[in-house]
């Protein structure tokens, strides 16, 4: 099948490398019917990563919708981190909810766990006393809390593995990790969220496979979960990066369909 829309995208209004216009033109060239921009929501504790302000961002998307109305349907989304909730959620066409940080309960300091491996080490050591599995458990607990907010899509469910190449921080095959991830997966699915199959780490050469892992995807399918595909694109040249592999992994997990955003809602399409 051909994916005809994409919702998880970033531009230079947050930490993306391409402008909004460049991203939209790439979507038009790809033959998409619908394109969603989902810049990282305003996070005062991490200004380099997030949009400068919601009103400015929403206004820019409104202008783009009008400018490109004859070429493509444009949607105003936001990637809302659990620790940076939107102050105007009603203004968005959709919300991608997820978690990128660990929070020190004592000091309130927030440290990104998906930046560099050093960021992960800082969070592990400063907040969890060097215990990587304590960080993992905290992350998945926060993902459940993010799902309980009922976002349109739950983004990159097991992002915590991003910097864990060769199991350098924790064992992804261990019973402790898998039990923790599965418990959270079940709880999130119980919230009725749509799970994102996210290929972003493939393009950035951080992982060889999408999030969630094939094992978790198979478990999600057995739970009756629903999935949509996204490239988590930060550069227009990679707008559909990893889509073929993503669809392959989804099929191999046993899914017969994916949800594709068309004209303001998700449509279930066979794969």
Protein backbone atom coordinates (compact mmCIF):
# COMPACT_ATOMS: atom_id res chain seq x y z
CA UNK A 1 0.00 0.00 0.00
CA UNK A 2 1.02 3.64 -0.38
CA UNK A 3 0.94 5.88 2.66
CA UNK A 4 -0.84 9.09 1.62
CA UNK A 5 -0.40 11.19 4.74
CA UNK A 6 2.00 11.84 7.57
CA UNK A 7 1.39 13.55 10.91
CA UNK A 8 4.62 13.43 12.92
CA UNK A 9 6.87 16.11 11.42
CA UNK A 10 9.13 18.91 12.62
CA UNK A 11 10.47 22.09 11.04
CA UNK A 12 12.72 24.99 12.01
CA UNK A 13 10.03 26.27 14.39
CA UNK A 14 11.36 23.63 16.80
CA UNK A 15 14.35 21.31 16.29
CA UNK A 16 13.75 20.48 12.63
CA UNK A 17 16.26 21.19 9.89
CA UNK A 18 13.83 22.22 7.14
CA UNK A 19 11.45 25.15 6.99
CA UNK A 20 7.69 24.71 7.07
CA UNK A 21 7.49 25.52 3.35
CA UNK A 22 10.21 22.99 2.52
CA UNK A 23 8.38 20.29 4.45
CA UNK A 24 5.06 21.02 2.77
CA UNK A 25 6.60 21.07 -0.70
CA UNK A 26 8.21 17.69 0.01
CA UNK A 27 4.81 16.32 1.05
CA UNK A 28 3.25 17.60 -2.18
CA UNK A 29 6.07 16.04 -4.21
CA UNK A 30 5.52 12.74 -2.38
CA UNK A 31 1.89 12.75 -3.53
CA UNK A 32 0.38 13.10 -0.07
CA UNK A 33 -3.23 14.14 0.26
CA UNK A 34 -2.73 15.27 3.87
CA UNK A 35 0.25 16.66 5.78
CA UNK A 36 0.48 17.39 9.50
CA UNK A 37 3.08 19.50 11.26
CA UNK A 38 3.70 18.52 14.88
CA UNK A 39 6.42 20.70 16.33
CA UNK A 40 7.49 20.02 19.89
CA UNK A 41 5.20 21.91 22.24
CA UNK A 42 6.56 24.94 24.06
CA UNK A 43 8.88 23.79 26.86
CA UNK A 44 10.48 26.68 28.78
CA UNK A 45 13.03 24.29 30.28
CA UNK A 46 14.27 23.28 26.79
CA UNK A 47 13.91 26.22 24.37
CA UNK A 48 16.29 24.85 21.72
CA UNK A 49 14.10 21.79 21.31
CA UNK A 50 10.61 23.30 21.38
CA UNK A 51 8.52 25.87 19.51
CA UNK A 52 8.97 29.49 20.70
CA UNK A 53 5.28 29.88 21.46
CA UNK A 54 1.97 28.24 20.62
CA UNK A 55 0.19 31.29 19.20
CA UNK A 56 3.00 32.06 16.74
CA UNK A 57 3.15 28.42 15.65
CA UNK A 58 -0.62 28.04 15.19
CA UNK A 59 -0.76 31.27 13.18
CA UNK A 60 2.02 30.07 10.87
CA UNK A 61 0.14 26.84 10.18
CA UNK A 62 -3.06 28.77 9.49
CA UNK A 63 -1.22 30.83 6.86
CA UNK A 64 0.23 27.67 5.33
CA UNK A 65 -3.20 26.02 5.13
CA UNK A 66 -4.45 28.95 3.07
CA UNK A 67 -1.33 29.20 0.93
CA UNK A 68 -1.33 25.54 -0.10
CA UNK A 69 -5.07 24.86 -0.04
CA UNK A 70 -5.19 23.92 -3.73
CA UNK A 71 -2.30 21.44 -3.39
CA UNK A 72 -2.66 19.57 -0.10
CA UNK A 73 -4.65 19.47 3.12
CA UNK A 74 -2.51 20.77 6.01
CA UNK A 75 -3.18 19.97 9.66
CA UNK A 76 -1.98 21.71 12.80
CA UNK A 77 -0.64 19.23 15.31
CA UNK A 78 1.67 19.30 18.29
CA UNK A 79 4.02 16.77 19.83
CA UNK A 80 3.12 17.28 23.46
CA UNK A 81 5.61 15.99 25.99
CA UNK A 82 4.11 14.79 29.25
CA UNK A 83 6.19 17.38 31.08
CA UNK A 84 5.24 20.26 28.75
CA UNK A 85 1.44 20.24 28.37
CA UNK A 86 -0.19 22.58 25.89
CA UNK A 87 -2.07 25.60 27.23
CA UNK A 88 -4.40 25.62 24.24
CA UNK A 89 -4.99 21.98 23.22
CA UNK A 90 -8.33 22.86 21.64
CA UNK A 91 -6.49 24.79 18.92
CA UNK A 92 -4.85 21.68 17.48
CA UNK A 93 -6.23 19.25 14.94
CA UNK A 94 -4.43 16.42 16.70
CA UNK A 95 -1.97 15.80 19.54
CA UNK A 96 0.90 13.33 19.64
CA UNK A 97 1.55 12.53 23.28
CA UNK A 98 4.81 11.10 24.53
CA UNK A 99 7.75 11.43 26.95
CA UNK A 100 11.29 12.69 26.30
CA UNK A 101 12.54 13.50 29.81
CA UNK A 102 13.14 12.17 33.28
CA UNK A 103 12.34 14.44 36.21
CA UNK A 104 14.23 14.74 39.48
CA UNK A 105 11.51 14.59 42.12
CA UNK A 106 13.65 16.57 44.54
CA UNK A 107 14.99 19.42 42.43
CA UNK A 108 12.45 19.40 39.60
CA UNK A 109 15.28 19.21 37.04
CA UNK A 110 14.31 17.64 33.72
CA UNK A 111 16.92 15.75 31.70
CA UNK A 112 16.34 14.49 28.15
CA UNK A 113 16.71 10.73 27.83
CA UNK A 114 16.59 10.62 24.02
CA UNK A 115 19.31 13.12 23.14
CA UNK A 116 22.88 11.91 23.26
CA UNK A 117 24.10 8.85 25.18
CA UNK A 118 25.61 11.34 27.62
CA UNK A 119 22.16 12.81 28.24
CA UNK A 120 20.93 9.33 29.12
CA UNK A 121 23.90 8.82 31.46
CA UNK A 122 23.24 12.16 33.14
CA UNK A 123 19.61 11.23 33.78
CA UNK A 124 20.55 7.78 35.02
CA UNK A 125 23.27 9.00 37.36
CA UNK A 126 21.82 12.29 38.63
CA UNK A 127 18.24 11.16 39.12
CA UNK A 128 18.38 7.39 39.56
CA UNK A 129 21.74 6.85 41.27
CA UNK A 130 23.21 4.98 38.32
CA UNK A 131 20.31 2.51 38.06
CA UNK A 132 19.29 2.35 34.38
CA UNK A 133 16.33 0.05 35.05
CA UNK A 134 14.95 2.55 37.54
CA UNK A 135 15.05 5.12 34.74
CA UNK A 136 13.31 2.67 32.39
CA UNK A 137 10.53 1.99 34.88
CA UNK A 138 10.03 5.70 35.50
CA UNK A 139 9.88 6.33 31.74
CA UNK A 140 7.20 3.71 31.13
CA UNK A 141 5.16 4.92 34.11
CA UNK A 142 5.23 8.40 32.57
CA UNK A 143 4.19 6.96 29.20
CA UNK A 144 1.12 5.48 30.85
CA UNK A 145 0.36 8.90 32.34
CA UNK A 146 0.76 10.44 28.87
CA UNK A 147 -1.68 7.90 27.43
CA UNK A 148 -4.18 8.66 30.18
CA UNK A 149 -4.38 12.22 28.83
CA UNK A 150 -6.01 10.70 25.72
CA UNK A 151 -3.81 12.10 22.94
CA UNK A 152 -4.80 11.46 19.33
CA UNK A 153 -1.66 9.33 18.91
CA UNK A 154 0.82 7.92 21.41
CA UNK A 155 4.28 8.54 20.00
CA UNK A 156 7.36 6.25 19.96
CA UNK A 157 6.27 4.01 22.82
CA UNK A 158 9.70 2.57 23.71
CA UNK A 159 11.87 5.61 22.97
CA UNK A 160 13.90 4.76 26.07
CA UNK A 161 15.87 2.25 23.97
CA UNK A 162 17.11 4.90 21.52
CA UNK A 163 20.64 5.12 22.92
CA UNK A 164 20.81 1.53 24.16
CA UNK A 165 22.88 0.17 21.28
CA UNK A 166 24.14 -3.37 21.99
CA UNK A 167 22.28 -3.23 25.33
CA UNK A 168 24.95 -0.87 26.65
CA UNK A 169 22.72 0.53 29.42
CA UNK A 170 20.20 -2.26 30.08
CA UNK A 171 19.21 -5.63 28.66
CA UNK A 172 16.21 -5.23 26.34
CA UNK A 173 15.71 -9.01 26.33
CA UNK A 174 15.62 -9.36 30.11
CA UNK A 175 12.44 -10.38 31.90
CA UNK A 176 12.65 -7.22 33.99
CA UNK A 177 12.65 -4.94 30.95
CA UNK A 178 10.05 -6.88 28.97
CA UNK A 179 7.70 -7.21 31.94
CA UNK A 180 7.93 -3.46 32.55
CA UNK A 181 7.34 -2.60 28.89
CA UNK A 182 4.46 -5.06 28.51
CA UNK A 183 2.69 -3.84 31.62
CA UNK A 184 2.88 -0.28 30.30
CA UNK A 185 1.82 -1.37 26.81
CA UNK A 186 -1.28 -3.03 28.21
CA UNK A 187 -2.13 0.01 30.33
CA UNK A 188 -1.67 2.41 27.40
CA UNK A 189 -3.74 0.24 25.09
CA UNK A 190 -6.43 0.18 27.74
CA UNK A 191 -6.65 3.96 27.38
CA UNK A 192 -7.76 3.46 23.77
CA UNK A 193 -4.86 5.33 22.20
CA UNK A 194 -3.55 4.81 18.68
CA UNK A 195 0.09 3.72 18.74
CA UNK A 196 2.61 5.27 16.42
CA UNK A 197 5.03 3.02 14.55
CA UNK A 198 7.89 5.50 14.34
CA UNK A 199 10.78 5.10 11.87
CA UNK A 200 12.68 8.23 12.91
CA UNK A 201 15.60 6.48 14.60
CA UNK A 202 16.32 4.47 11.44
CA UNK A 203 17.02 7.56 9.35
CA UNK A 204 19.12 9.03 12.16
CA UNK A 205 21.02 5.71 12.37
CA UNK A 206 20.21 5.21 16.03
CA UNK A 207 18.21 2.00 15.56
CA UNK A 208 17.75 -0.58 12.82
CA UNK A 209 14.02 -1.01 13.42
CA UNK A 210 11.07 1.24 14.27
CA UNK A 211 9.55 1.91 17.66
CA UNK A 212 7.86 -0.07 19.15
CA UNK A 213 10.07 -3.14 18.82
CA UNK A 214 8.77 -6.08 16.75
CA UNK A 215 8.15 -8.06 19.94
CA UNK A 216 6.05 -5.29 21.47
CA UNK A 217 4.19 -4.78 18.20
CA UNK A 218 3.21 -8.45 18.15
CA UNK A 219 1.99 -8.17 21.73
CA UNK A 220 0.05 -5.03 20.83
CA UNK A 221 -1.62 -6.78 17.92
CA UNK A 222 -2.69 -9.61 20.24
CA UNK A 223 -4.16 -6.98 22.57
CA UNK A 224 -6.23 -5.60 19.69
CA UNK A 225 -4.26 -2.37 19.46
CA UNK A 226 -4.33 0.05 16.53
CA UNK A 227 -1.29 1.55 14.78
CA UNK A 228 -0.40 4.37 12.42
CA UNK A 229 2.92 4.90 10.63
CA UNK A 230 5.17 7.95 10.96
CA UNK A 231 8.70 8.99 10.03
CA UNK A 232 9.08 11.55 12.84
CA UNK A 233 10.69 13.66 10.12
CA UNK A 234 13.11 16.50 10.94
CA UNK A 235 14.45 16.98 7.41
CA UNK A 236 12.36 17.26 4.24
CA UNK A 237 14.53 14.82 2.29
CA UNK A 238 13.56 12.06 4.73
CA UNK A 239 9.82 12.70 4.78
CA UNK A 240 8.99 9.05 4.06
CA UNK A 241 12.18 7.60 5.51
CA UNK A 242 11.76 4.01 6.68
CA UNK A 243 8.13 3.69 5.53
CA UNK A 244 8.71 0.49 3.54
CA UNK A 245 10.48 -1.16 6.46
CA UNK A 246 7.85 0.15 8.87
CA UNK A 247 5.03 -1.42 6.86
CA UNK A 248 7.00 -4.69 6.65
CA UNK A 249 7.44 -4.81 10.43
CA UNK A 250 3.76 -4.02 10.96
CA UNK A 251 2.73 -6.86 8.62
CA UNK A 252 5.13 -9.30 10.27
CA UNK A 253 3.63 -8.44 13.65
CA UNK A 254 0.33 -9.71 12.32
CA UNK A 255 -1.52 -6.47 11.66
CA UNK A 256 -3.89 -6.52 8.70
CA UNK A 257 -4.38 -2.75 8.57
CA UNK A 258 -2.98 0.63 9.57
CA UNK A 259 -4.70 3.90 10.34
CA UNK A 260 -4.08 6.67 7.79
CA UNK A 261 -5.14 10.29 8.38
CA UNK A 262 -7.40 11.60 5.65
CA UNK A 263 -9.45 14.79 5.66
CA UNK A 264 -9.35 15.24 9.42
CA UNK A 265 -9.78 11.70 10.70
CA UNK A 266 -8.13 8.30 10.74
CA UNK A 267 -9.20 5.80 8.09
CA UNK A 268 -8.38 2.10 8.48
CA UNK A 269 -6.63 0.72 5.43
CA UNK A 270 -5.63 -2.84 4.66
CA UNK A 271 -1.94 -3.59 4.16
